[in-house]
Amino acid sequence: MDTKESKTREEEIEHVMNERLPEDYETSQPQRQPEAKKSPNGLHKVLPLVIIVMGIIVAGIVILGLGNSGG
């Protein structure tokens, strides 16, 4: 069963044009959105450490030649 909405070409163009309009910041209330109240994750603090560790692992593989299957 197909539940996809069928739109004419004009309706599709109108929809795209409406989506491209910028948000009206005078009437929006971002302080009422629960996402705005969340504190940021600590992932951005761990990410540089993960990148450095992965770089060291890759450099070790290249230097030691563990990835070289030709012998």
C-alpha atoms as a PDB file:
ATOM      1  CA  MET A   1       0.000   0.000   0.000  1.00  0.00           C
ATOM      2  CA  ASP A   2       1.477   3.299  -1.086  1.00  0.00           C
ATOM      3  CA  THR A   3       0.895   6.072   1.448  1.00  0.00           C
ATOM      4  CA  LYS A   4       3.161   8.582  -0.281  1.00  0.00           C
ATOM      5  CA  GLU A   5       1.543  11.949  -0.814  1.00  0.00           C
ATOM      6  CA  SER A   6       1.109  12.815  -4.461  1.00  0.00           C
ATOM      7  CA  LYS A   7       1.985  16.419  -5.305  1.00  0.00           C
ATOM      8  CA  THR A   8       1.839  18.296  -8.538  1.00  0.00           C
ATOM      9  CA  ARG A   9       4.942  20.005  -9.852  1.00  0.00           C
ATOM     10  CA  GLU A  10       3.616  23.398  -8.701  1.00  0.00           C
ATOM     11  CA  GLU A  11       2.926  22.073  -5.192  1.00  0.00           C
ATOM     12  CA  GLU A  12       6.446  20.661  -4.988  1.00  0.00           C
ATOM     13  CA  ILE A  13       7.963  23.991  -6.065  1.00  0.00           C
ATOM     14  CA  GLU A  14       5.825  25.862  -3.537  1.00  0.00           C
ATOM     15  CA  HIS A  15       6.881  23.447  -0.793  1.00  0.00           C
ATOM     16  CA  VAL A  16      10.579  23.877  -1.627  1.00  0.00           C
ATOM     17  CA  MET A  17      10.251  27.659  -1.713  1.00  0.00           C
ATOM     18  CA  ASN A  18       8.512  27.668   1.686  1.00  0.00           C
ATOM     19  CA  GLU A  19      11.284  25.491   3.137  1.00  0.00           C
ATOM     20  CA  ARG A  20      13.920  27.925   1.914  1.00  0.00           C
ATOM     21  CA  LEU A  21      12.436  30.854   3.829  1.00  0.00           C
ATOM     22  CA  PRO A  22      14.477  31.766   6.913  1.00  0.00           C
ATOM     23  CA  GLU A  23      13.008  31.218  10.349  1.00  0.00           C
ATOM     24  CA  ASP A  24      11.271  34.193  11.908  1.00  0.00           C
ATOM     25  CA  TYR A  25      13.374  34.797  15.005  1.00  0.00           C
ATOM     26  CA  GLU A  26      11.049  37.431  16.430  1.00  0.00           C
ATOM     27  CA  THR A  27       8.207  34.947  16.878  1.00  0.00           C
ATOM     28  CA  SER A  28      10.226  31.804  17.575  1.00  0.00           C
ATOM     29  CA  GLN A  29      10.943  30.888  21.167  1.00  0.00           C
ATOM     30  CA  PRO A  30      14.119  28.809  21.326  1.00  0.00           C
ATOM     31  CA  GLN A  31      14.169  29.010  25.121  1.00  0.00           C
ATOM     32  CA  ARG A  32      11.021  26.862  25.181  1.00  0.00           C
ATOM     33  CA  GLN A  33      12.660  24.075  23.196  1.00  0.00           C
ATOM     34  CA  PRO A  34      14.028  21.268  25.379  1.00  0.00           C
ATOM     35  CA  GLU A  35      17.089  20.875  23.118  1.00  0.00           C
ATOM     36  CA  ALA A  36      18.140  24.435  23.924  1.00  0.00           C
ATOM     37  CA  LYS A  37      18.226  23.655  27.647  1.00  0.00           C
ATOM     38  CA  LYS A  38      20.473  20.590  27.403  1.00  0.00           C
ATOM     39  CA  SER A  39      24.073  20.996  28.400  1.00  0.00           C
ATOM     40  CA  PRO A  40      26.525  19.942  25.695  1.00  0.00           C
ATOM     41  CA  ASN A  41      27.933  16.426  25.766  1.00  0.00           C
ATOM     42  CA  GLY A  42      31.499  15.732  26.843  1.00  0.00           C
ATOM     43  CA  LEU A  43      32.138  14.030  23.505  1.00  0.00           C
ATOM     44  CA  HIS A  44      33.820  17.114  22.078  1.00  0.00           C
ATOM     45  CA  LYS A  45      36.428  16.828  24.853  1.00  0.00           C
ATOM     46  CA  VAL A  46      37.187  13.162  24.122  1.00  0.00           C
ATOM     47  CA  LEU A  47      37.266  13.417  20.327  1.00  0.00           C
ATOM     48  CA  PRO A  48      40.774  15.000  20.029  1.00  0.00           C
ATOM     49  CA  LEU A  49      42.178  12.276  22.296  1.00  0.00           C
ATOM     50  CA  VAL A  50      40.586   9.561  20.154  1.00  0.00           C
ATOM     51  CA  ILE A  51      42.014  11.137  16.990  1.00  0.00           C
ATOM     52  CA  ILE A  52      45.523  11.297  18.496  1.00  0.00           C
ATOM     53  CA  VAL A  53      45.381   7.673  19.678  1.00  0.00           C
ATOM     54  CA  MET A  54      44.171   6.485  16.269  1.00  0.00           C
ATOM     55  CA  GLY A  55      46.967   8.469  14.595  1.00  0.00           C
ATOM     56  CA  ILE A  56      49.561   6.816  16.815  1.00  0.00           C
ATOM     57  CA  ILE A  57      48.142   3.368  16.045  1.00  0.00           C
ATOM     58  CA  VAL A  58      48.174   3.995  12.281  1.00  0.00           C
ATOM     59  CA  ALA A  59      51.708   5.442  12.439  1.00  0.00           C
ATOM     60  CA  GLY A  60      52.868   2.370  14.380  1.00  0.00           C
ATOM     61  CA  ILE A  61      51.362   0.042  11.801  1.00  0.00           C
ATOM     62  CA  VAL A  62      53.044   1.932   8.971  1.00  0.00           C
ATOM     63  CA  ILE A  63      56.423   2.154  10.704  1.00  0.00           C
ATOM     64  CA  LEU A  64      56.505  -1.464  11.870  1.00  0.00           C
ATOM     65  CA  GLY A  65      55.209  -2.694   8.531  1.00  0.00           C
ATOM     66  CA  LEU A  66      52.472  -4.832  10.043  1.00  0.00           C
ATOM     67  CA  GLY A  67      50.221  -3.984   7.122  1.00  0.00           C
ATOM     68  CA  ASN A  68      52.788  -5.217   4.593  1.00  0.00           C
ATOM     69  CA  SER A  69      51.739  -8.651   3.424  1.00  0.00           C
ATOM     70  CA  GLY A  70      54.521  -8.892   0.789  1.00  0.00           C
ATOM     71  CA  GLY A  71      57.215  -9.680   3.353  1.00  0.00           C
END
